[in-house]
Amino acid sequence: MTMDPKAAAPTLPGTPGPRGILALLGPGLVTGAADDDPSGIATYSQVGAQFGYALGWTMILSFPLMAAIQAISARIAP
């Protein structure tokens, strides 16, 4: 274990620092945090309470589409 003089906590070899962790999380962290507004949480809670797992079949259709958009976005972004 080495001690970085600029950091308050010791760092282990091969572990990313605070900037490295943020780089690993990427923009998905900001996007996910931006969608957690109180009205969205209330809406999703009410829909989940009303329908339960009845709408689970939509994941079969929506996941490939979401994955395709994510792949396209990853190729467009620098």
PDB file of N, CA and C in Angstrom:
ATOM      1  N   MET A   1       0.849  -1.166   0.000  1.00  0.00           N
ATOM      2  CA  MET A   1       0.000   0.000   0.000  1.00  0.00           C
ATOM      3  C   MET A   1       0.897   1.232   0.000  1.00  0.00           C
ATOM      4  N   THR A   2       0.579   2.167  -0.894  1.00  0.00           N
ATOM      5  CA  THR A   2       1.355   3.393  -0.984  1.00  0.00           C
ATOM      6  C   THR A   2       0.508   4.563  -0.531  1.00  0.00           C
ATOM      7  N   MET A   3       1.169   5.587  -0.076  1.00  0.00           N
ATOM      8  CA  MET A   3       0.452   6.769   0.401  1.00  0.00           C
ATOM      9  C   MET A   3       0.684   7.901  -0.577  1.00  0.00           C
ATOM     10  N   ASP A   4      -0.393   8.403  -1.143  1.00  0.00           N
ATOM     11  CA  ASP A   4      -0.311   9.535  -2.041  1.00  0.00           C
ATOM     12  C   ASP A   4      -0.276  10.801  -1.192  1.00  0.00           C
ATOM     13  N   PRO A   5       0.744  11.660  -1.343  1.00  0.00           N
ATOM     14  CA  PRO A   5       0.834  12.836  -0.476  1.00  0.00           C
ATOM     15  C   PRO A   5      -0.315  13.820  -0.685  1.00  0.00           C
ATOM     16  N   LYS A   6      -0.930  13.820  -1.871  1.00  0.00           N
ATOM     17  CA  LYS A   6      -2.030  14.745  -2.138  1.00  0.00           C
ATOM     18  C   LYS A   6      -3.371  14.207  -1.651  1.00  0.00           C
ATOM     19  N   ALA A   7      -3.469  12.916  -1.496  1.00  0.00           N
ATOM     20  CA  ALA A   7      -4.738  12.306  -1.086  1.00  0.00           C
ATOM     21  C   ALA A   7      -4.752  12.090   0.418  1.00  0.00           C
ATOM     22  N   ALA A   8      -5.939  12.147   0.989  1.00  0.00           N
ATOM     23  CA  ALA A   8      -6.079  11.945   2.421  1.00  0.00           C
ATOM     24  C   ALA A   8      -6.114  10.459   2.767  1.00  0.00           C
ATOM     25  N   ALA A   9      -6.628   9.628   1.850  1.00  0.00           N
ATOM     26  CA  ALA A   9      -6.756   8.199   2.103  1.00  0.00           C
ATOM     27  C   ALA A   9      -5.668   7.441   1.354  1.00  0.00           C
ATOM     28  N   PRO A  10      -5.191   6.329   1.909  1.00  0.00           N
ATOM     29  CA  PRO A  10      -4.186   5.536   1.195  1.00  0.00           C
ATOM     30  C   PRO A  10      -4.804   4.877  -0.029  1.00  0.00           C
ATOM     31  N   THR A  11      -3.970   4.675  -1.046  1.00  0.00           N
ATOM     32  CA  THR A  11      -4.444   4.044  -2.277  1.00  0.00           C
ATOM     33  C   THR A  11      -3.699   2.732  -2.482  1.00  0.00           C
ATOM     34  N   LEU A  12      -4.410   1.751  -2.964  1.00  0.00           N
ATOM     35  CA  LEU A  12      -3.808   0.472  -3.297  1.00  0.00           C
ATOM     36  C   LEU A  12      -3.339   0.493  -4.739  1.00  0.00           C
ATOM     37  N   PRO A  13      -2.287  -0.235  -5.077  1.00  0.00           N
ATOM     38  CA  PRO A  13      -1.841  -0.269  -6.461  1.00  0.00           C
ATOM     39  C   PRO A  13      -2.934  -0.840  -7.368  1.00  0.00           C
ATOM     40  N   GLY A  14      -3.173  -0.169  -8.478  1.00  0.00           N
ATOM     41  CA  GLY A  14      -4.150  -0.645  -9.440  1.00  0.00           C
ATOM     42  C   GLY A  14      -5.570  -0.177  -9.188  1.00  0.00           C
ATOM     43  N   THR A  15      -5.811   0.539  -8.102  1.00  0.00           N
ATOM     44  CA  THR A  15      -7.163   1.037  -7.846  1.00  0.00           C
ATOM     45  C   THR A  15      -7.266   2.461  -8.363  1.00  0.00           C
ATOM     46  N   PRO A  16      -8.381   2.784  -9.021  1.00  0.00           N
ATOM     47  CA  PRO A  16      -8.525   4.139  -9.540  1.00  0.00           C
ATOM     48  C   PRO A  16      -8.812   5.134  -8.431  1.00  0.00           C
ATOM     49  N   GLY A  17      -8.356   6.352  -8.629  1.00  0.00           N
ATOM     50  CA  GLY A  17      -8.654   7.417  -7.683  1.00  0.00           C
ATOM     51  C   GLY A  17     -10.056   7.938  -7.916  1.00  0.00           C
ATOM     52  N   PRO A  18     -10.398   9.055  -7.274  1.00  0.00           N
ATOM     53  CA  PRO A  18     -11.752   9.605  -7.432  1.00  0.00           C
ATOM     54  C   PRO A  18     -12.095   9.932  -8.887  1.00  0.00           C
ATOM     55  N   ARG A  19     -11.155  10.487  -9.625  1.00  0.00           N
ATOM     56  CA  ARG A  19     -11.424  10.796 -11.038  1.00  0.00           C
ATOM     57  C   ARG A  19     -11.557   9.528 -11.863  1.00  0.00           C
ATOM     58  N   GLY A  20     -10.784   8.520 -11.524  1.00  0.00           N
ATOM     59  CA  GLY A  20     -10.881   7.256 -12.242  1.00  0.00           C
ATOM     60  C   GLY A  20     -12.219   6.572 -12.017  1.00  0.00           C
ATOM     61  N   ILE A  21     -12.724   6.685 -10.801  1.00  0.00           N
ATOM     62  CA  ILE A  21     -14.032   6.093 -10.494  1.00  0.00           C
ATOM     63  C   ILE A  21     -15.122   6.822 -11.268  1.00  0.00           C
ATOM     64  N   LEU A  22     -15.042   8.158 -11.314  1.00  0.00           N
ATOM     65  CA  LEU A  22     -16.028   8.917 -12.075  1.00  0.00           C
ATOM     66  C   LEU A  22     -15.940   8.600 -13.561  1.00  0.00           C
ATOM     67  N   ALA A  23     -14.726   8.376 -14.054  1.00  0.00           N
ATOM     68  CA  ALA A  23     -14.571   8.020 -15.459  1.00  0.00           C
ATOM     69  C   ALA A  23     -15.165   6.646 -15.747  1.00  0.00           C
ATOM     70  N   LEU A  24     -15.056   5.721 -14.785  1.00  0.00           N
ATOM     71  CA  LEU A  24     -15.657   4.404 -14.972  1.00  0.00           C
ATOM     72  C   LEU A  24     -17.177   4.479 -14.982  1.00  0.00           C
ATOM     73  N   LEU A  25     -17.737   5.331 -14.138  1.00  0.00           N
ATOM     74  CA  LEU A  25     -19.189   5.464 -14.081  1.00  0.00           C
ATOM     75  C   LEU A  25     -19.729   6.161 -15.316  1.00  0.00           C
ATOM     76  N   GLY A  26     -19.005   7.153 -15.794  1.00  0.00           N
ATOM     77  CA  GLY A  26     -19.370   7.826 -17.023  1.00  0.00           C
ATOM     78  C   GLY A  26     -20.630   8.669 -16.925  1.00  0.00           C
ATOM     79  N   PRO A  27     -21.138   9.057 -18.088  1.00  0.00           N
ATOM     80  CA  PRO A  27     -22.312   9.926 -18.106  1.00  0.00           C
ATOM     81  C   PRO A  27     -23.589   9.222 -17.670  1.00  0.00           C
ATOM     82  N   GLY A  28     -23.569   7.898 -17.584  1.00  0.00           N
ATOM     83  CA  GLY A  28     -24.750   7.177 -17.131  1.00  0.00           C
ATOM     84  C   GLY A  28     -25.139   7.545 -15.715  1.00  0.00           C
ATOM     85  N   LEU A  29     -24.160   7.899 -14.896  1.00  0.00           N
ATOM     86  CA  LEU A  29     -24.455   8.316 -13.526  1.00  0.00           C
ATOM     87  C   LEU A  29     -25.276   9.594 -13.526  1.00  0.00           C
ATOM     88  N   VAL A  30     -24.876  10.563 -14.340  1.00  0.00           N
ATOM     89  CA  VAL A  30     -25.594  11.833 -14.406  1.00  0.00           C
ATOM     90  C   VAL A  30     -26.984  11.614 -14.997  1.00  0.00           C
ATOM     91  N   THR A  31     -27.069  10.811 -16.035  1.00  0.00           N
ATOM     92  CA  THR A  31     -28.355  10.553 -16.668  1.00  0.00           C
ATOM     93  C   THR A  31     -29.294   9.851 -15.709  1.00  0.00           C
ATOM     94  N   GLY A  32     -28.792   8.870 -15.001  1.00  0.00           N
ATOM     95  CA  GLY A  32     -29.635   8.164 -14.041  1.00  0.00           C
ATOM     96  C   GLY A  32     -30.064   9.045 -12.895  1.00  0.00           C
ATOM     97  N   ALA A  33     -29.170   9.888 -12.423  1.00  0.00           N
ATOM     98  CA  ALA A  33     -29.510  10.783 -11.320  1.00  0.00           C
ATOM     99  C   ALA A  33     -30.495  11.857 -11.766  1.00  0.00           C
ATOM    100  N   ALA A  34     -30.398  12.281 -13.014  1.00  0.00           N
ATOM    101  CA  ALA A  34     -31.296  13.319 -13.511  1.00  0.00           C
ATOM    102  C   ALA A  34     -32.718  12.804 -13.642  1.00  0.00           C
ATOM    103  N   ASP A  35     -32.894  11.507 -13.802  1.00  0.00           N
ATOM    104  CA  ASP A  35     -34.232  10.953 -13.996  1.00  0.00           C
ATOM    105  C   ASP A  35     -34.914  10.624 -12.671  1.00  0.00           C
ATOM    106  N   ASP A  36     -34.234  10.762 -11.572  1.00  0.00           N
ATOM    107  CA  ASP A  36     -34.809  10.418 -10.266  1.00  0.00           C
ATOM    108  C   ASP A  36     -35.469  11.634  -9.626  1.00  0.00           C
ATOM    109  N   ASP A  37     -36.448  12.172 -10.302  1.00  0.00           N
ATOM    110  CA  ASP A  37     -37.183  13.279  -9.712  1.00  0.00           C
ATOM    111  C   ASP A  37     -38.392  12.737  -8.945  1.00  0.00           C
ATOM    112  N   PRO A  38     -38.921  13.488  -8.015  1.00  0.00           N
ATOM    113  CA  PRO A  38     -40.021  12.973  -7.189  1.00  0.00           C
ATOM    114  C   PRO A  38     -41.259  12.559  -7.992  1.00  0.00           C
ATOM    115  N   SER A  39     -41.576  13.301  -9.055  1.00  0.00           N
ATOM    116  CA  SER A  39     -42.765  12.935  -9.828  1.00  0.00           C
ATOM    117  C   SER A  39     -42.550  11.613 -10.561  1.00  0.00           C
ATOM    118  N   GLY A  40     -41.335  11.366 -11.055  1.00  0.00           N
ATOM    119  CA  GLY A  40     -41.054  10.103 -11.721  1.00  0.00           C
ATOM    120  C   GLY A  40     -41.101   8.934 -10.754  1.00  0.00           C
ATOM    121  N   ILE A  41     -40.539   9.125  -9.569  1.00  0.00           N
ATOM    122  CA  ILE A  41     -40.559   8.061  -8.567  1.00  0.00           C
ATOM    123  C   ILE A  41     -41.989   7.744  -8.166  1.00  0.00           C
ATOM    124  N   ALA A  42     -42.817   8.779  -7.990  1.00  0.00           N
ATOM    125  CA  ALA A  42     -44.218   8.556  -7.629  1.00  0.00           C
ATOM    126  C   ALA A  42     -44.964   7.838  -8.747  1.00  0.00           C
ATOM    127  N   THR A  43     -44.696   8.241  -9.986  1.00  0.00           N
ATOM    128  CA  THR A  43     -45.375   7.606 -11.124  1.00  0.00           C
ATOM    129  C   THR A  43     -44.997   6.142 -11.236  1.00  0.00           C
ATOM    130  N   TYR A  44     -43.692   5.852 -11.172  1.00  0.00           N
ATOM    131  CA  TYR A  44     -43.238   4.467 -11.312  1.00  0.00           C
ATOM    132  C   TYR A  44     -43.736   3.611 -10.148  1.00  0.00           C
ATOM    133  N   SER A  45     -43.825   4.193  -8.973  1.00  0.00           N
ATOM    134  CA  SER A  45     -44.322   3.443  -7.815  1.00  0.00           C
ATOM    135  C   SER A  45     -45.800   3.106  -7.981  1.00  0.00           C
ATOM    136  N   GLN A  46     -46.573   4.054  -8.472  1.00  0.00           N
ATOM    137  CA  GLN A  46     -47.996   3.812  -8.665  1.00  0.00           C
ATOM    138  C   GLN A  46     -48.246   2.789  -9.766  1.00  0.00           C
ATOM    139  N   VAL A  47     -47.527   2.908 -10.863  1.00  0.00           N
ATOM    140  CA  VAL A  47     -47.695   1.946 -11.963  1.00  0.00           C
ATOM    141  C   VAL A  47     -47.260   0.561 -11.510  1.00  0.00           C
ATOM    142  N   GLY A  48     -46.163   0.486 -10.785  1.00  0.00           N
ATOM    143  CA  GLY A  48     -45.698  -0.806 -10.284  1.00  0.00           C
ATOM    144  C   GLY A  48     -46.676  -1.430  -9.316  1.00  0.00           C
ATOM    145  N   ALA A  49     -47.287  -0.602  -8.471  1.00  0.00           N
ATOM    146  CA  ALA A  49     -48.267  -1.125  -7.523  1.00  0.00           C
ATOM    147  C   ALA A  49     -49.534  -1.593  -8.236  1.00  0.00           C
ATOM    148  N   GLN A  50     -49.896  -0.913  -9.318  1.00  0.00           N
ATOM    149  CA  GLN A  50     -51.129  -1.258 -10.022  1.00  0.00           C
ATOM    150  C   GLN A  50     -50.954  -2.482 -10.917  1.00  0.00           C
ATOM    151  N   PHE A  51     -49.847  -2.551 -11.667  1.00  0.00           N
ATOM    152  CA  PHE A  51     -49.687  -3.608 -12.664  1.00  0.00           C
ATOM    153  C   PHE A  51     -48.763  -4.740 -12.224  1.00  0.00           C
ATOM    154  N   GLY A  52     -47.905  -4.493 -11.244  1.00  0.00           N
ATOM    155  CA  GLY A  52     -46.987  -5.537 -10.791  1.00  0.00           C
ATOM    156  C   GLY A  52     -46.066  -5.987 -11.925  1.00  0.00           C
ATOM    157  N   TYR A  53     -45.977  -7.303 -12.137  1.00  0.00           N
ATOM    158  CA  TYR A  53     -45.118  -7.842 -13.187  1.00  0.00           C
ATOM    159  C   TYR A  53     -45.845  -8.024 -14.517  1.00  0.00           C
ATOM    160  N   ALA A  54     -47.075  -7.542 -14.628  1.00  0.00           N
ATOM    161  CA  ALA A  54     -47.871  -7.755 -15.835  1.00  0.00           C
ATOM    162  C   ALA A  54     -47.253  -7.101 -17.075  1.00  0.00           C
ATOM    163  N   LEU A  55     -46.475  -6.044 -16.883  1.00  0.00           N
ATOM    164  CA  LEU A  55     -45.859  -5.373 -18.022  1.00  0.00           C
ATOM    165  C   LEU A  55     -44.425  -5.832 -18.263  1.00  0.00           C
ATOM    166  N   GLY A  56     -44.012  -6.882 -17.596  1.00  0.00           N
ATOM    167  CA  GLY A  56     -42.646  -7.380 -17.749  1.00  0.00           C
ATOM    168  C   GLY A  56     -42.318  -7.851 -19.150  1.00  0.00           C
ATOM    169  N   TRP A  57     -43.340  -8.269 -19.916  1.00  0.00           N
ATOM    170  CA  TRP A  57     -43.093  -8.746 -21.272  1.00  0.00           C
ATOM    171  C   TRP A  57     -42.541  -7.637 -22.168  1.00  0.00           C
ATOM    172  N   THR A  58     -42.762  -6.371 -21.804  1.00  0.00           N
ATOM    173  CA  THR A  58     -42.260  -5.276 -22.643  1.00  0.00           C
ATOM    174  C   THR A  58     -40.735  -5.198 -22.627  1.00  0.00           C
ATOM    175  N   MET A  59     -40.105  -5.796 -21.606  1.00  0.00           N
ATOM    176  CA  MET A  59     -38.635  -5.799 -21.567  1.00  0.00           C
ATOM    177  C   MET A  59     -38.056  -6.576 -22.740  1.00  0.00           C
ATOM    178  N   ILE A  60     -38.757  -7.606 -23.180  1.00  0.00           N
ATOM    179  CA  ILE A  60     -38.283  -8.416 -24.301  1.00  0.00           C
ATOM    180  C   ILE A  60     -38.195  -7.559 -25.566  1.00  0.00           C
ATOM    181  N   LEU A  61     -39.138  -6.651 -25.733  1.00  0.00           N
ATOM    182  CA  LEU A  61     -39.127  -5.778 -26.905  1.00  0.00           C
ATOM    183  C   LEU A  61     -38.229  -4.559 -26.729  1.00  0.00           C
ATOM    184  N   SER A  62     -38.248  -3.971 -25.549  1.00  0.00           N
ATOM    185  CA  SER A  62     -37.547  -2.708 -25.366  1.00  0.00           C
ATOM    186  C   SER A  62     -36.046  -2.855 -25.140  1.00  0.00           C
ATOM    187  N   PHE A  63     -35.598  -3.958 -24.556  1.00  0.00           N
ATOM    188  CA  PHE A  63     -34.164  -4.076 -24.272  1.00  0.00           C
ATOM    189  C   PHE A  63     -33.302  -4.082 -25.536  1.00  0.00           C
ATOM    190  N   PRO A  64     -33.630  -4.857 -26.578  1.00  0.00           N
ATOM    191  CA  PRO A  64     -32.786  -4.781 -27.783  1.00  0.00           C
ATOM    192  C   PRO A  64     -32.769  -3.389 -28.411  1.00  0.00           C
ATOM    193  N   LEU A  65     -33.880  -2.689 -28.354  1.00  0.00           N
ATOM    194  CA  LEU A  65     -33.916  -1.334 -28.895  1.00  0.00           C
ATOM    195  C   LEU A  65     -33.047  -0.393 -28.069  1.00  0.00           C
ATOM    196  N   MET A  66     -33.124  -0.515 -26.745  1.00  0.00           N
ATOM    197  CA  MET A  66     -32.289   0.330 -25.884  1.00  0.00           C
ATOM    198  C   MET A  66     -30.811   0.020 -26.084  1.00  0.00           C
ATOM    199  N   ALA A  67     -30.478  -1.250 -26.227  1.00  0.00           N
ATOM    200  CA  ALA A  67     -29.075  -1.626 -26.439  1.00  0.00           C
ATOM    201  C   ALA A  67     -28.563  -1.082 -27.769  1.00  0.00           C
ATOM    202  N   ALA A  68     -29.409  -1.099 -28.786  1.00  0.00           N
ATOM    203  CA  ALA A  68     -28.999  -0.568 -30.087  1.00  0.00           C
ATOM    204  C   ALA A  68     -28.752   0.936 -30.016  1.00  0.00           C
ATOM    205  N   ILE A  69     -29.625   1.660 -29.347  1.00  0.00           N
ATOM    206  CA  ILE A  69     -29.436   3.107 -29.201  1.00  0.00           C
ATOM    207  C   ILE A  69     -28.183   3.407 -28.394  1.00  0.00           C
ATOM    208  N   GLN A  70     -27.919   2.623 -27.367  1.00  0.00           N
ATOM    209  CA  GLN A  70     -26.712   2.814 -26.562  1.00  0.00           C
ATOM    210  C   GLN A  70     -25.465   2.581 -27.400  1.00  0.00           C
ATOM    211  N   ALA A  71     -25.492   1.547 -28.232  1.00  0.00           N
ATOM    212  CA  ALA A  71     -24.334   1.262 -29.086  1.00  0.00           C
ATOM    213  C   ALA A  71     -24.123   2.369 -30.114  1.00  0.00           C
ATOM    214  N   ILE A  72     -25.199   2.865 -30.692  1.00  0.00           N
ATOM    215  CA  ILE A  72     -25.085   3.974 -31.656  1.00  0.00           C
ATOM    216  C   ILE A  72     -24.531   5.213 -30.962  1.00  0.00           C
ATOM    217  N   SER A  73     -25.035   5.516 -29.784  1.00  0.00           N
ATOM    218  CA  SER A  73     -24.570   6.686 -29.041  1.00  0.00           C
ATOM    219  C   SER A  73     -23.095   6.556 -28.669  1.00  0.00           C
ATOM    220  N   ALA A  74     -22.671   5.356 -28.317  1.00  0.00           N
ATOM    221  CA  ALA A  74     -21.258   5.143 -27.959  1.00  0.00           C
ATOM    222  C   ALA A  74     -20.349   5.342 -29.162  1.00  0.00           C
ATOM    223  N   ARG A  75     -20.832   5.015 -30.349  1.00  0.00           N
ATOM    224  CA  ARG A  75     -20.014   5.192 -31.546  1.00  0.00           C
ATOM    225  C   ARG A  75     -19.973   6.641 -31.990  1.00  0.00           C
ATOM    226  N   ILE A  76     -21.037   7.387 -31.729  1.00  0.00           N
ATOM    227  CA  ILE A  76     -21.084   8.806 -32.134  1.00  0.00           C
ATOM    228  C   ILE A  76     -20.228   9.659 -31.206  1.00  0.00           C
ATOM    229  N   ALA A  77     -20.287   9.391 -29.922  1.00  0.00           N
ATOM    230  CA  ALA A  77     -19.572  10.204 -28.944  1.00  0.00           C
ATOM    231  C   ALA A  77     -18.065  10.031 -29.094  1.00  0.00           C
ATOM    232  N   PRO A  78     -17.327  11.101 -28.866  1.00  0.00           N
ATOM    233  CA  PRO A  78     -15.859  11.001 -28.995  1.00  0.00           C
ATOM    234  C   PRO A  78     -15.230  10.254 -27.850  1.00  0.00           C
TER     235      PRO A  78
END
